[in-house]
């Protein structure tokens, strides 16, 4: 039993270490290339300038006067970004709060080649479900690479150029009226209750830790097919870790039964 058990423990430890290394180490800011490095409680640089969908030059300070849902996309994204924007539009419909009064939404393109004309076109696709008078409260911004890099780094949003597109995570950030980062919500589905609580906490300036950190980052962009493909290596690593843990648990149970029988 010991001869079998020790190598399995060693394997599990190795897998745990390697599994952690692809996400973060003692200094995650230096390790994560694609994903989120949470910066709860930080104030974003409010004096950064962007162009809105009406080609007006605006600063974040001018726009952020109430709790704000912030999300990053690029307008030619074939999969994750449309799903993210649809998820935001869907939660607006079911949220027991009023867009424009209780909160607002800012979407920033991290592709410096995107422009206000493209922003206006993309915005029209996702605000159709929202009443006309509140569509102005979901703003689409484009900007220079310098300002894009500064705002994405300020909130810990890490993406990477890949072929003709980008590999990037899917998440939204909640900002307080003063520009403080108060919450991160991950994935492509957002519960109205979670978003409502995040907005209420944001109004009070309360930064809350994230419970669910599951991100849609298991996909990479394939420029040839213009689609996202599953990163098999990462999934196999996770499955291997799970199987190893199950085997060790079974061996432990059998060992205890033998001890009792003896």
Protein backbone atom coordinates (compact mmCIF):
# COMPACT_ATOMS: atom_id res chain seq x y z
CA UNK A 1 0.00 0.00 0.00
CA UNK A 2 2.74 2.45 0.95
CA UNK A 3 4.63 1.72 -2.28
CA UNK A 4 1.56 2.71 -4.31
CA UNK A 5 0.36 5.47 -2.04
CA UNK A 6 3.55 7.56 -1.90
CA UNK A 7 3.96 8.01 -5.70
CA UNK A 8 0.31 9.02 -6.00
CA UNK A 9 0.70 11.67 -3.31
CA UNK A 10 3.81 12.91 -5.09
CA UNK A 11 1.88 13.04 -8.38
CA UNK A 12 -0.97 14.98 -6.78
CA UNK A 13 1.39 17.51 -5.23
CA UNK A 14 3.15 17.96 -8.58
CA UNK A 15 -0.16 18.49 -10.35
CA UNK A 16 -1.33 20.95 -7.73
CA UNK A 17 1.84 23.00 -8.08
CA UNK A 18 1.77 22.97 -11.87
CA UNK A 19 -1.97 23.72 -11.89
CA UNK A 20 -1.42 26.77 -9.74
CA UNK A 21 1.55 28.00 -11.74
CA UNK A 22 -0.40 28.53 -14.95
CA UNK A 23 -2.66 30.96 -13.12
CA UNK A 24 -0.55 32.74 -10.53
CA UNK A 25 2.35 32.58 -8.10
CA UNK A 26 3.42 34.82 -5.22
CA UNK A 27 3.27 37.77 -7.60
CA UNK A 28 0.30 37.15 -9.93
CA UNK A 29 0.66 40.55 -11.57
CA UNK A 30 3.88 39.29 -13.18
CA UNK A 31 2.56 35.85 -14.16
CA UNK A 32 -0.93 36.14 -15.59
CA UNK A 33 -0.96 36.97 -19.28
CA UNK A 34 -4.64 36.31 -19.94
CA UNK A 35 -7.11 36.66 -17.08
CA UNK A 36 -7.90 38.95 -14.17
CA UNK A 37 -5.63 40.29 -11.45
CA UNK A 38 -8.15 41.68 -8.96
CA UNK A 39 -7.46 45.18 -7.70
CA UNK A 40 -10.33 45.63 -5.28
CA UNK A 41 -10.38 49.01 -3.58
CA UNK A 42 -8.16 50.70 -6.18
CA UNK A 43 -9.29 53.91 -7.87
CA UNK A 44 -9.13 53.83 -11.66
CA UNK A 45 -7.38 56.73 -13.50
CA UNK A 46 -10.41 58.96 -14.05
CA UNK A 47 -8.65 61.52 -16.23
CA UNK A 48 -8.15 59.09 -19.12
CA UNK A 49 -9.85 60.26 -22.31
CA UNK A 50 -11.86 58.19 -24.77
CA UNK A 51 -14.26 58.75 -27.64
CA UNK A 52 -17.88 57.75 -27.15
CA UNK A 53 -20.10 56.32 -29.88
CA UNK A 54 -21.05 59.87 -30.89
CA UNK A 55 -17.39 60.76 -31.54
CA UNK A 56 -17.29 63.02 -28.47
CA UNK A 57 -14.05 63.19 -26.50
CA UNK A 58 -14.82 62.39 -22.85
CA UNK A 59 -12.96 61.56 -19.66
CA UNK A 60 -13.93 58.76 -17.31
CA UNK A 61 -14.34 61.39 -14.60
CA UNK A 62 -17.07 63.05 -16.67
CA UNK A 63 -18.91 59.77 -17.15
CA UNK A 64 -18.67 58.01 -13.80
CA UNK A 65 -21.10 59.74 -11.45
CA UNK A 66 -22.97 56.67 -10.19
CA UNK A 67 -22.30 52.94 -9.75
CA UNK A 68 -20.95 51.68 -13.05
CA UNK A 69 -20.78 48.27 -14.69
CA UNK A 70 -17.54 48.24 -16.66
CA UNK A 71 -16.76 45.67 -19.34
CA UNK A 72 -14.09 45.23 -22.00
CA UNK A 73 -14.61 43.86 -25.49
CA UNK A 74 -13.29 44.18 -29.01
CA UNK A 75 -15.90 44.81 -31.65
CA UNK A 76 -14.93 42.09 -34.14
CA UNK A 77 -14.86 39.37 -31.50
CA UNK A 78 -16.78 36.36 -32.87
CA UNK A 79 -17.82 34.68 -29.64
CA UNK A 80 -17.00 35.80 -26.09
CA UNK A 81 -17.68 39.53 -26.49
CA UNK A 82 -21.12 39.14 -28.08
CA UNK A 83 -22.03 36.63 -25.37
CA UNK A 84 -20.82 39.02 -22.66
CA UNK A 85 -22.79 41.95 -24.06
CA UNK A 86 -25.90 39.82 -24.44
CA UNK A 87 -25.52 38.72 -20.82
CA UNK A 88 -25.27 42.35 -19.66
CA UNK A 89 -28.33 43.32 -21.73
CA UNK A 90 -30.24 40.37 -20.30
CA UNK A 91 -29.44 41.21 -16.69
CA UNK A 92 -30.54 44.82 -17.27
CA UNK A 93 -33.99 43.53 -18.22
CA UNK A 94 -34.35 41.49 -15.03
CA UNK A 95 -32.61 43.82 -12.62
CA UNK A 96 -34.83 45.41 -9.99
CA UNK A 97 -33.04 48.73 -10.48
CA UNK A 98 -33.28 51.51 -13.04
CA UNK A 99 -30.56 51.97 -15.61
CA UNK A 100 -29.51 55.63 -15.66
CA UNK A 101 -30.84 56.33 -12.19
CA UNK A 102 -29.30 53.62 -10.02
CA UNK A 103 -26.39 52.61 -12.22
CA UNK A 104 -24.88 52.89 -15.70
CA UNK A 105 -22.83 50.74 -18.07
CA UNK A 106 -19.56 51.51 -19.83
CA UNK A 107 -18.14 49.21 -22.49
CA UNK A 108 -14.57 49.92 -23.61
CA UNK A 109 -12.97 48.34 -26.65
CA UNK A 110 -9.41 47.17 -26.01
CA UNK A 111 -8.72 47.20 -29.76
CA UNK A 112 -7.18 50.60 -30.67
CA UNK A 113 -8.33 50.09 -34.28
CA UNK A 114 -11.99 50.25 -33.24
CA UNK A 115 -13.59 53.67 -33.77
CA UNK A 116 -16.79 55.55 -32.77
CA UNK A 117 -18.60 54.51 -35.95
CA UNK A 118 -17.97 50.86 -35.17
CA UNK A 119 -18.94 51.47 -31.53
CA UNK A 120 -22.28 52.95 -32.60
CA UNK A 121 -22.96 49.99 -34.87
CA UNK A 122 -22.12 47.43 -32.18
CA UNK A 123 -24.05 49.29 -29.49
CA UNK A 124 -27.21 49.19 -31.63
CA UNK A 125 -27.08 45.39 -31.57
CA UNK A 126 -27.25 45.13 -27.79
CA UNK A 127 -29.43 48.01 -26.55
CA UNK A 128 -32.51 47.00 -28.54
CA UNK A 129 -34.12 45.41 -25.48
CA UNK A 130 -33.51 48.51 -23.39
CA UNK A 131 -36.02 51.36 -23.47
CA UNK A 132 -35.00 54.20 -25.78
CA UNK A 133 -34.68 56.81 -23.02
CA UNK A 134 -32.12 54.67 -21.15
CA UNK A 135 -29.91 53.65 -24.08
CA UNK A 136 -27.72 56.69 -23.50
CA UNK A 137 -26.79 55.19 -20.11
CA UNK A 138 -24.96 52.31 -21.77
CA UNK A 139 -21.90 53.98 -23.25
CA UNK A 140 -19.48 52.52 -25.77
CA UNK A 141 -15.94 53.91 -25.78
CA UNK A 142 -12.88 53.64 -28.00
CA UNK A 143 -9.43 55.07 -27.43
CA UNK A 144 -5.70 55.05 -28.02
CA UNK A 145 -3.50 52.09 -27.14
CA UNK A 146 -1.90 54.12 -24.34
CA UNK A 147 -5.19 54.87 -22.60
CA UNK A 148 -6.55 51.39 -23.24
CA UNK A 149 -3.44 49.88 -21.65
CA UNK A 150 -3.71 52.18 -18.65
CA UNK A 151 -7.36 51.40 -17.90
CA UNK A 152 -7.05 47.63 -18.47
CA UNK A 153 -3.97 47.48 -16.26
CA UNK A 154 -5.70 49.63 -13.61
CA UNK A 155 -8.50 47.07 -13.25
CA UNK A 156 -6.24 44.05 -13.78
CA UNK A 157 -7.79 42.98 -17.08
CA UNK A 158 -5.16 40.97 -18.97
CA UNK A 159 -5.55 40.15 -22.66
CA UNK A 160 -3.17 39.23 -25.45
CA UNK A 161 -3.01 39.80 -29.19
CA UNK A 162 -3.42 36.47 -30.94
CA UNK A 163 -3.41 36.32 -34.72
CA UNK A 164 -6.03 38.71 -36.07
CA UNK A 165 -7.82 38.89 -32.74
CA UNK A 166 -7.28 38.67 -29.00
CA UNK A 167 -7.26 36.03 -26.31
CA UNK A 168 -9.05 37.53 -23.31
CA UNK A 169 -11.17 36.75 -20.24
CA UNK A 170 -14.86 37.40 -19.76
CA UNK A 171 -15.82 39.43 -16.69
CA UNK A 172 -17.46 42.65 -15.59
CA UNK A 173 -16.24 45.06 -12.97
CA UNK A 174 -18.35 47.25 -10.70
CA UNK A 175 -17.10 50.76 -9.96
CA UNK A 176 -18.28 53.13 -7.26
CA UNK A 177 -19.25 56.75 -8.13
CA UNK A 178 -15.71 57.75 -7.12
CA UNK A 179 -14.15 55.22 -9.51
CA UNK A 180 -13.24 52.62 -6.85
CA UNK A 181 -13.22 48.99 -7.98
CA UNK A 182 -15.69 47.28 -5.66
CA UNK A 183 -16.52 43.94 -7.28
CA UNK A 184 -15.60 41.51 -10.05
CA UNK A 185 -18.23 39.21 -11.57
CA UNK A 186 -16.98 36.45 -13.85
CA UNK A 187 -18.26 34.37 -16.72
CA UNK A 188 -21.02 34.86 -19.26
CA UNK A 189 -24.07 34.65 -16.98
CA UNK A 190 -24.89 37.17 -14.28
CA UNK A 191 -27.62 36.71 -11.71
CA UNK A 192 -29.75 39.84 -11.16
CA UNK A 193 -29.44 39.41 -7.38
CA UNK A 194 -25.63 39.33 -7.56
CA UNK A 195 -25.50 42.39 -9.78
CA UNK A 196 -27.99 44.27 -7.60
CA UNK A 197 -26.01 43.54 -4.44
CA UNK A 198 -22.80 44.60 -6.19
CA UNK A 199 -24.37 47.89 -7.27
CA UNK A 200 -25.74 48.60 -3.77
CA UNK A 201 -22.32 47.90 -2.23
CA UNK A 202 -20.70 50.04 -4.91
CA UNK A 203 -22.94 52.97 -4.02
CA UNK A 204 -21.60 52.71 -0.47
CA UNK A 205 -18.02 52.31 -1.71
CA UNK A 206 -17.72 48.80 -0.24
CA UNK A 207 -15.22 46.53 -1.99
CA UNK A 208 -16.25 42.88 -1.64
CA UNK A 209 -14.13 39.80 -2.42
CA UNK A 210 -15.16 37.53 -5.25
CA UNK A 211 -16.65 34.15 -4.40
CA UNK A 212 -17.07 32.70 -7.89
CA UNK A 213 -13.93 33.20 -9.97
CA UNK A 214 -14.85 30.92 -12.87
CA UNK A 215 -13.89 32.74 -16.07
CA UNK A 216 -14.42 31.94 -19.69
CA UNK A 217 -10.70 31.70 -20.44
CA UNK A 218 -10.55 28.15 -21.77
CA UNK A 219 -10.73 29.43 -25.31
CA UNK A 220 -8.18 30.89 -27.68
CA UNK A 221 -8.79 32.76 -30.91
CA UNK A 222 -8.08 30.96 -34.18
CA UNK A 223 -7.45 33.64 -36.84
CA UNK A 224 -7.80 31.15 -39.70
CA UNK A 225 -11.34 30.05 -38.83
CA UNK A 226 -12.18 33.24 -36.87
CA UNK A 227 -13.46 31.14 -33.99
CA UNK A 228 -12.45 30.28 -30.44
CA UNK A 229 -11.04 26.81 -29.81
CA UNK A 230 -10.87 24.91 -26.54
CA UNK A 231 -7.46 24.81 -24.89
CA UNK A 232 -7.27 21.03 -24.44
CA UNK A 233 -4.07 21.03 -22.39
CA UNK A 234 -5.63 23.05 -19.58
CA UNK A 235 -8.76 20.90 -19.44
CA UNK A 236 -6.72 17.66 -19.46
CA UNK A 237 -4.59 19.00 -16.60
CA UNK A 238 -7.66 19.75 -14.50
CA UNK A 239 -9.20 16.32 -15.23
CA UNK A 240 -5.93 14.58 -14.38
CA UNK A 241 -5.79 16.39 -11.06
CA UNK A 242 -9.37 15.39 -10.29
CA UNK A 243 -8.78 11.71 -11.20
CA UNK A 244 -5.63 11.60 -9.08
CA UNK A 245 -7.55 12.97 -6.10
CA UNK A 246 -10.30 10.36 -6.57
CA UNK A 247 -7.76 7.51 -6.73
CA UNK A 248 -6.07 8.68 -3.53
CA UNK A 249 -9.43 8.95 -1.77
CA UNK A 250 -10.34 5.39 -2.79
CA UNK A 251 -6.98 4.04 -1.62
CA UNK A 252 -7.34 5.81 1.70
CA UNK A 253 -10.78 4.27 2.24
CA UNK A 254 -9.50 0.79 1.36
CA UNK A 255 -6.53 1.21 3.70
CA UNK A 256 -8.79 2.15 6.58
CA UNK A 257 -11.06 -0.84 5.94
CA UNK A 258 -8.08 -3.22 5.96
CA UNK A 259 -6.82 -1.73 9.23
CA UNK A 260 -10.22 -2.21 10.84
CA UNK A 261 -10.50 -5.81 9.58
CA UNK A 262 -7.03 -6.66 10.92
